[in-house]
Amino acid sequence: MNRLHRLLPAAVVLAAASAVAQDRAYEPKALARYDVSYGSCETTFPEMKGHRDEAYLSLWRATPNDKTKARLADARGSASYKAERQHATQVAAKASAPDAKKLEQQCKALWGELSRMPKPAK
């Protein structure tokens, strides 16, 4: 029951955020930390390679399109993104080896979110 009380507010926040996800600018510092952690998932799970943007957008329930990809590119080009990415990379390098089971759970959860998103029509 305690876990449900923590997950319910998170679900409400995600549902509310998804409504504005297409039109929002992405926060460069959070994006930098996400990119560094996604890199460790790519190392562990090769099938995740090349799906970084789609996985990030799936967390916001945003559809990958030219507009969202341009916003991600703008965020990644900012000075705050570059500084935070460098800092996050240094912190990750100094940290002790992550618990393999915890890393696996996080990567699989992220991959699961990506698989829930509707596939774009080609």
Protein backbone atom coordinates (compact mmCIF):
# COMPACT_ATOMS: atom_id res chain seq x y z
CA MET A 1 0.00 0.00 0.00
CA ASN A 2 2.88 2.35 0.78
CA ARG A 3 4.29 1.88 -2.70
CA LEU A 4 0.91 2.75 -4.22
CA HIS A 5 0.87 6.03 -2.31
CA ARG A 6 4.20 6.95 -3.86
CA LEU A 7 3.37 5.81 -7.38
CA LEU A 8 -0.04 7.46 -7.62
CA PRO A 9 1.25 11.06 -7.40
CA ALA A 10 3.96 10.21 -9.92
CA ALA A 11 1.34 8.86 -12.32
CA VAL A 12 -0.74 12.03 -11.93
CA VAL A 13 2.29 14.21 -12.60
CA LEU A 14 3.22 12.18 -15.68
CA ALA A 15 -0.31 12.37 -17.03
CA ALA A 16 -0.41 16.13 -16.56
CA ALA A 17 3.05 16.57 -18.05
CA SER A 18 2.19 14.55 -21.11
CA ALA A 19 -0.41 17.10 -22.14
CA VAL A 20 2.23 19.80 -22.54
CA ALA A 21 5.18 17.60 -23.49
CA GLN A 22 4.95 18.35 -27.19
CA ASP A 23 5.21 22.11 -26.68
CA ARG A 24 7.66 22.35 -23.82
CA ALA A 25 11.33 23.09 -23.97
CA TYR A 26 13.42 20.34 -22.42
CA GLU A 27 15.46 21.18 -19.35
CA PRO A 28 19.13 20.93 -20.36
CA LYS A 29 20.50 19.83 -16.97
CA ALA A 30 18.03 16.98 -16.59
CA LEU A 31 18.59 15.96 -20.20
CA ALA A 32 22.36 15.85 -19.63
CA ARG A 33 21.98 13.58 -16.59
CA TYR A 34 19.57 11.38 -18.55
CA ASP A 35 22.01 11.10 -21.48
CA VAL A 36 24.85 10.01 -19.20
CA SER A 37 22.72 7.36 -17.49
CA TYR A 38 21.29 6.16 -20.82
CA GLY A 39 24.86 5.63 -22.00
CA SER A 40 25.35 3.03 -19.27
CA CYS A 41 22.17 1.29 -20.44
CA GLU A 42 23.48 1.27 -24.01
CA THR A 43 26.69 -0.35 -22.79
CA THR A 44 24.80 -3.06 -20.93
CA PHE A 45 21.97 -3.58 -23.44
CA PRO A 46 23.12 -3.16 -27.06
CA GLU A 47 19.52 -3.25 -28.33
CA MET A 48 19.00 0.15 -26.68
CA LYS A 49 21.69 1.75 -28.84
CA GLY A 50 20.32 4.44 -31.12
CA HIS A 51 17.03 4.90 -29.28
CA ARG A 52 18.06 7.59 -26.79
CA ASP A 53 15.74 10.33 -28.02
CA GLU A 54 12.75 8.04 -28.45
CA ALA A 55 13.23 6.67 -24.94
CA TYR A 56 13.51 10.17 -23.46
CA LEU A 57 10.43 11.36 -25.29
CA SER A 58 8.51 8.26 -24.21
CA LEU A 59 9.02 9.28 -20.58
CA TRP A 60 7.08 12.46 -21.39
CA ARG A 61 4.60 10.65 -23.64
CA ALA A 62 5.77 12.87 -26.48
CA THR A 63 5.87 11.69 -30.05
CA PRO A 64 9.24 11.86 -31.79
CA ASN A 65 8.88 14.32 -34.66
CA ASP A 66 10.86 17.14 -36.19
CA LYS A 67 9.65 19.64 -33.60
CA THR A 68 10.57 17.56 -30.54
CA LYS A 69 13.89 16.49 -32.05
CA ALA A 70 14.74 20.14 -32.77
CA ARG A 71 13.98 21.02 -29.15
CA LEU A 72 16.23 18.23 -27.94
CA ALA A 73 18.99 19.43 -30.25
CA ASP A 74 18.59 22.99 -28.93
CA ALA A 75 18.81 21.77 -25.34
CA ARG A 76 21.88 19.67 -26.12
CA GLY A 77 23.57 22.64 -27.76
CA SER A 78 23.19 24.88 -24.71
CA ALA A 79 26.05 25.76 -22.40
CA SER A 80 24.17 24.51 -19.33
CA TYR A 81 23.70 21.08 -20.98
CA LYS A 82 27.39 20.81 -21.82
CA ALA A 83 28.47 21.84 -18.33
CA GLU A 84 26.03 19.47 -16.63
CA ARG A 85 26.96 16.59 -18.92
CA GLN A 86 30.63 17.07 -18.12
CA HIS A 87 29.81 17.19 -14.40
CA ALA A 88 27.52 14.13 -14.58
CA THR A 89 30.17 12.19 -16.51
CA GLN A 90 32.79 13.01 -13.87
CA VAL A 91 30.44 12.00 -11.05
CA ALA A 92 29.58 8.74 -12.81
CA ALA A 93 33.28 7.97 -13.33
CA LYS A 94 34.08 8.61 -9.66
CA ALA A 95 31.12 6.64 -8.35
CA SER A 96 31.66 3.06 -7.36
CA ALA A 97 30.45 0.44 -9.80
CA PRO A 98 26.67 0.55 -9.95
CA ASP A 99 24.72 -2.40 -8.66
CA ALA A 100 24.21 -4.55 -11.76
CA LYS A 101 20.73 -5.64 -10.71
CA LYS A 102 19.59 -2.07 -10.04
CA LEU A 103 21.01 -0.86 -13.35
CA GLU A 104 19.30 -3.73 -15.16
CA GLN A 105 15.95 -2.88 -13.53
CA GLN A 106 16.25 0.79 -14.46
CA CYS A 107 17.22 0.07 -18.05
CA LYS A 108 14.45 -2.49 -18.50
CA ALA A 109 11.90 -0.08 -17.04
CA LEU A 110 13.00 2.62 -19.46
CA TRP A 111 12.91 0.16 -22.36
CA GLY A 112 9.41 -0.87 -21.25
CA GLU A 113 8.23 2.73 -21.39
CA LEU A 114 9.57 3.02 -24.92
CA SER A 115 7.77 -0.15 -25.98
CA ARG A 116 4.45 1.26 -24.71
CA MET A 117 4.60 4.23 -27.04
CA PRO A 118 2.71 3.87 -30.32
CA LYS A 119 4.99 3.23 -33.25
CA PRO A 120 5.09 6.09 -35.80
CA ALA A 121 3.44 5.36 -39.10
CA LYS A 122 5.90 5.21 -41.98
